[in-house]
């Protein structure tokens, strides 16, 4: 037997009105004529206020700012700050006609003398050149080392280098330091020191040694020092090469 499916029938309510297909029905009370006039009056007033606002906006040119009373002025907020590059305190280093050979830095150059080679240790600060001993690979007769600093003045750096270079030497004798006349107006202080010592070798033999340090301080406080030395047996024969390298360095300041 087939069963019929459909919307179940609701039993009639007990007393009163039934719910009907859309639920209980309520009758809205009738609006009075007084209420309608109030609503119409409010709409007219709103239209008038909008019209007045449009007139004021047009008469002000669409601007929001107002002229303050009492002669006050309004300063607008800054929209940003323009970047102004700092004025350089030091001149830019450019290569001049006397800047030849090897660049040390800060506009300082020198020209190695013939036969002097750059040291094999590339980790050494500054520029380090050596004079190899004739027919004895790995041994040197002398060195020429150029370094720069801002931590000392000319005198202080020269004395510092002599102290550290002669450390480990034997029979060290340091001469009296001399404040020399600078050959360039770009230099404000020049200082020189010389010393003698005996250098121990691997075999324990002592080699007489002569060296000197010269330091040059420029107008910005940068100090460039040359630290040079030769075995005493060839000092008189090679000293002019060291002097020539020093002179080429000073010339780069001109």
Protein backbone atom coordinates (compact mmCIF):
# COMPACT_ATOMS: atom_id res chain seq x y z
CA UNK A 1 0.00 0.00 0.00
CA UNK A 2 1.42 3.34 -1.00
CA UNK A 3 1.70 6.09 1.53
CA UNK A 4 0.78 9.65 0.55
CA UNK A 5 3.30 12.33 1.53
CA UNK A 6 2.30 15.95 1.94
CA UNK A 7 2.16 18.85 4.32
CA UNK A 8 0.93 17.66 7.68
CA UNK A 9 -2.35 19.16 8.78
CA UNK A 10 -2.33 21.31 11.90
CA UNK A 11 -5.06 20.94 14.36
CA UNK A 12 -7.28 23.98 14.84
CA UNK A 13 -6.36 26.25 17.72
CA UNK A 14 -8.42 26.08 20.79
CA UNK A 15 -10.31 29.31 20.87
CA UNK A 16 -9.46 32.63 19.14
CA UNK A 17 -8.06 33.05 15.68
CA UNK A 18 -6.05 30.33 14.00
CA UNK A 19 -2.39 31.08 13.02
CA UNK A 20 -3.16 31.03 9.29
CA UNK A 21 -0.59 30.18 6.61
CA UNK A 22 1.68 33.19 7.44
CA UNK A 23 1.39 33.23 11.19
CA UNK A 24 -0.66 35.62 13.32
CA UNK A 25 -2.02 38.73 11.64
CA UNK A 26 -1.95 42.16 13.35
CA UNK A 27 -3.82 45.26 12.24
CA UNK A 28 -1.75 48.51 12.19
CA UNK A 29 -3.42 51.47 13.82
CA UNK A 30 -4.34 54.28 11.47
CA UNK A 31 -2.01 57.31 11.38
CA UNK A 32 -3.44 60.64 12.43
CA UNK A 33 -3.33 63.69 10.14
CA UNK A 34 -1.26 65.56 12.79
CA UNK A 35 1.56 63.06 12.55
CA UNK A 36 1.65 63.37 8.74
CA UNK A 37 2.04 67.17 8.94
CA UNK A 38 4.94 66.82 11.37
CA UNK A 39 6.77 64.44 9.01
CA UNK A 40 6.22 66.75 6.02
CA UNK A 41 7.48 69.75 7.98
CA UNK A 42 10.69 67.92 8.98
CA UNK A 43 11.42 66.98 5.35
CA UNK A 44 11.01 70.60 4.21
CA UNK A 45 13.36 71.81 6.97
CA UNK A 46 16.04 69.25 5.95
CA UNK A 47 15.89 70.42 2.33
CA UNK A 48 16.34 74.05 3.44
CA UNK A 49 19.41 73.18 5.60
CA UNK A 50 21.07 71.32 2.71
CA UNK A 51 20.47 74.28 0.39
CA UNK A 52 22.01 76.73 2.88
CA UNK A 53 25.09 74.48 3.25
CA UNK A 54 25.61 74.39 -0.53
CA UNK A 55 25.42 78.19 -0.74
CA UNK A 56 28.02 78.60 2.03
CA UNK A 57 30.34 76.07 0.40
CA UNK A 58 30.19 77.82 -2.98
CA UNK A 59 30.70 81.29 -1.49
CA UNK A 60 33.84 80.05 0.34
CA UNK A 61 35.43 78.79 -2.87
CA UNK A 62 35.57 75.21 -1.57
CA UNK A 63 38.31 76.09 0.94
CA UNK A 64 38.36 74.73 4.46
CA UNK A 65 40.84 77.19 5.97
CA UNK A 66 39.53 80.37 7.53
CA UNK A 67 41.35 83.61 8.23
CA UNK A 68 41.97 83.73 12.01
CA UNK A 69 40.58 86.61 13.96
CA UNK A 70 42.76 89.26 15.53
CA UNK A 71 45.38 89.32 12.76
CA UNK A 72 46.76 85.84 13.61
CA UNK A 73 48.27 83.82 10.83
CA UNK A 74 48.23 80.09 10.32
CA UNK A 75 51.50 78.35 9.53
CA UNK A 76 50.95 75.19 7.48
CA UNK A 77 52.58 71.98 8.62
CA UNK A 78 55.81 71.17 6.76
CA UNK A 79 55.34 68.54 4.09
CA UNK A 80 58.94 67.31 4.26
CA UNK A 81 62.59 68.29 4.68
CA UNK A 82 64.85 68.76 1.71
CA UNK A 83 68.22 66.89 1.98
CA UNK A 84 71.21 69.20 1.95
CA UNK A 85 74.52 67.39 1.39
CA UNK A 86 77.20 68.20 3.98
CA UNK A 87 80.01 70.51 3.00
CA UNK A 88 83.17 68.44 2.61
CA UNK A 89 85.82 69.29 5.18
CA UNK A 90 88.63 67.66 3.24
CA UNK A 91 89.54 68.05 -0.40
CA UNK A 92 88.97 65.09 -2.66
CA UNK A 93 92.24 63.31 -3.39
CA UNK A 94 93.14 63.53 -7.05
CA UNK A 95 96.19 62.15 -8.79
CA UNK A 96 98.68 64.94 -9.48
CA UNK A 97 101.70 65.07 -11.77
CA UNK A 98 104.01 63.95 -8.93
CA UNK A 99 101.84 60.99 -7.90
CA UNK A 100 103.74 58.19 -9.61
CA UNK A 101 104.88 54.71 -8.71
CA UNK A 102 103.06 53.10 -5.78
CA UNK A 103 99.97 54.61 -4.15
CA UNK A 104 100.13 54.49 -0.36
CA UNK A 105 96.79 56.19 0.26
CA UNK A 106 95.28 59.60 1.05
CA UNK A 107 96.99 61.10 -2.01
CA UNK A 108 100.47 59.87 -1.03
CA UNK A 109 102.70 58.00 -3.51
CA UNK A 110 106.32 56.91 -3.79
CA UNK A 111 108.56 55.43 -6.47
CA UNK A 112 110.50 52.28 -5.56
CA UNK A 113 114.19 52.37 -6.47
CA UNK A 114 115.49 49.95 -9.05
CA UNK A 115 116.00 46.48 -7.63
CA UNK A 116 113.53 46.90 -4.76
CA UNK A 117 110.66 44.39 -4.83
CA UNK A 118 107.30 44.29 -3.13
CA UNK A 119 107.37 42.01 -0.08
CA UNK A 120 105.68 38.62 -0.53
CA UNK A 121 103.44 39.00 2.55
CA UNK A 122 100.28 40.76 1.30
CA UNK A 123 98.75 40.90 4.80
CA UNK A 124 101.24 43.51 5.99
CA UNK A 125 99.68 46.94 6.43
CA UNK A 126 100.94 49.77 4.28
CA UNK A 127 103.43 49.24 1.47
CA UNK A 128 106.40 46.98 2.13
CA UNK A 129 109.40 46.67 -0.23
CA UNK A 130 112.58 44.62 0.18
CA UNK A 131 116.11 44.41 -1.23
CA UNK A 132 116.98 40.75 -1.74
CA UNK A 133 120.48 39.58 -0.87
CA UNK A 134 122.50 38.85 -3.99
CA UNK A 135 122.44 35.14 -4.95
CA UNK A 136 120.78 34.17 -1.66
CA UNK A 137 117.10 33.52 -2.21
CA UNK A 138 114.91 34.22 0.83
CA UNK A 139 117.41 36.54 2.50
CA UNK A 140 117.23 40.32 2.37
CA UNK A 141 119.71 43.14 2.75
CA UNK A 142 117.16 45.76 3.69
CA UNK A 143 113.55 46.96 3.62
CA UNK A 144 111.49 50.10 3.00
CA UNK A 145 108.08 50.24 4.69
CA UNK A 146 105.47 53.03 4.40
CA UNK A 147 102.53 53.22 6.83
CA UNK A 148 99.83 55.73 7.74
CA UNK A 149 97.90 56.59 10.90
CA UNK A 150 95.65 59.16 12.55
CA UNK A 151 96.45 57.97 16.08
CA UNK A 152 99.79 59.77 16.49
CA UNK A 153 101.42 63.02 15.50
CA UNK A 154 104.62 62.94 13.45
CA UNK A 155 106.97 62.72 16.45
CA UNK A 156 104.88 60.14 18.30
CA UNK A 157 104.53 57.85 15.29
CA UNK A 158 108.26 57.98 14.49
CA UNK A 159 109.18 57.06 18.09
CA UNK A 160 106.55 54.31 18.15
CA UNK A 161 107.87 52.68 14.97
CA UNK A 162 111.48 52.73 16.15
CA UNK A 163 110.42 51.05 19.39
CA UNK A 164 108.52 48.22 17.70
CA UNK A 165 111.05 47.71 14.89
CA UNK A 166 114.03 47.47 17.21
CA UNK A 167 112.24 45.15 19.61
CA UNK A 168 114.17 41.86 19.46
CA UNK A 169 117.33 43.45 18.11
CA UNK A 170 120.51 43.50 20.14
CA UNK A 171 122.62 46.49 21.19
CA UNK A 172 120.00 49.02 20.03
CA UNK A 173 121.17 52.63 19.99
CA UNK A 174 118.54 55.23 19.08
CA UNK A 175 119.70 58.65 17.98
CA UNK A 176 118.19 61.96 18.99
CA UNK A 177 114.98 62.78 17.13
CA UNK A 178 114.91 65.88 14.94
CA UNK A 179 111.98 68.03 13.90
CA UNK A 180 112.89 68.75 10.29
CA UNK A 181 111.76 71.48 7.93
CA UNK A 182 108.91 70.28 5.77
CA UNK A 183 109.43 70.59 2.02
CA UNK A 184 105.73 71.14 1.24
CA UNK A 185 103.12 73.61 2.49
CA UNK A 186 100.70 70.69 2.68
CA UNK A 187 102.73 69.34 5.62
CA UNK A 188 102.59 70.91 9.06
CA UNK A 189 105.07 68.66 10.92
CA UNK A 190 108.01 66.44 9.93
CA UNK A 191 110.16 64.33 12.23
CA UNK A 192 113.15 61.98 11.80
CA UNK A 193 114.88 59.35 13.93
CA UNK A 194 117.78 57.00 13.20
CA UNK A 195 119.14 53.99 15.06
CA UNK A 196 121.71 51.20 14.92
CA UNK A 197 121.42 47.64 16.17
CA UNK A 198 122.65 44.08 15.76
CA UNK A 199 120.16 41.74 14.12
CA UNK A 200 120.21 38.06 15.19
CA UNK A 201 120.20 35.49 12.36
CA UNK A 202 118.92 31.91 12.34
CA UNK A 203 122.45 30.67 12.94
CA UNK A 204 122.85 32.95 15.94
CA UNK A 205 125.21 35.33 14.19
CA UNK A 206 124.66 39.06 14.73
CA UNK A 207 124.51 41.32 11.68
CA UNK A 208 125.17 45.04 12.19
CA UNK A 209 122.13 47.01 11.02
CA UNK A 210 121.30 50.68 10.45
CA UNK A 211 117.84 52.15 10.08
CA UNK A 212 115.80 55.33 10.18
CA UNK A 213 112.19 56.49 10.43
CA UNK A 214 110.77 59.71 8.98
CA UNK A 215 107.20 60.86 9.62
CA UNK A 216 105.16 63.47 7.75
CA UNK A 217 101.96 64.97 9.17
CA UNK A 218 99.61 66.79 6.79
CA UNK A 219 97.19 69.60 7.58
CA UNK A 220 94.36 67.14 8.28
CA UNK A 221 96.28 65.16 10.91
CA UNK A 222 97.13 62.21 8.66
CA UNK A 223 100.66 60.91 9.35
CA UNK A 224 102.66 58.97 6.76
CA UNK A 225 105.89 57.36 8.00
CA UNK A 226 108.72 55.65 6.16
CA UNK A 227 110.55 52.96 8.08
CA UNK A 228 113.78 51.84 6.36
CA UNK A 229 116.87 49.86 7.19
CA UNK A 230 119.90 48.15 5.62
CA UNK A 231 122.71 45.89 6.70
CA UNK A 232 125.62 48.06 7.76
CA UNK A 233 127.95 46.48 5.18
CA UNK A 234 125.91 47.87 2.29
CA UNK A 235 124.41 50.91 4.00
CA UNK A 236 126.75 53.46 2.44
CA UNK A 237 126.23 51.94 -1.00
CA UNK A 238 122.41 51.77 -0.85
CA UNK A 239 121.45 54.69 1.37
CA UNK A 240 120.91 56.96 -1.65
CA UNK A 241 118.18 54.59 -2.86
CA UNK A 242 116.32 54.96 0.42
CA UNK A 243 116.72 58.75 0.26
CA UNK A 244 115.39 58.78 -3.33
CA UNK A 245 112.28 56.83 -2.30
CA UNK A 246 111.71 59.22 0.60
CA UNK A 247 112.07 62.24 -1.68
CA UNK A 248 109.57 60.81 -4.17
CA UNK A 249 107.06 60.41 -1.34
CA UNK A 250 107.51 64.00 -0.15
CA UNK A 251 107.21 65.19 -3.76
CA UNK A 252 103.70 63.71 -3.97
CA UNK A 253 102.59 66.32 -1.41
CA UNK A 254 103.61 69.16 -3.77
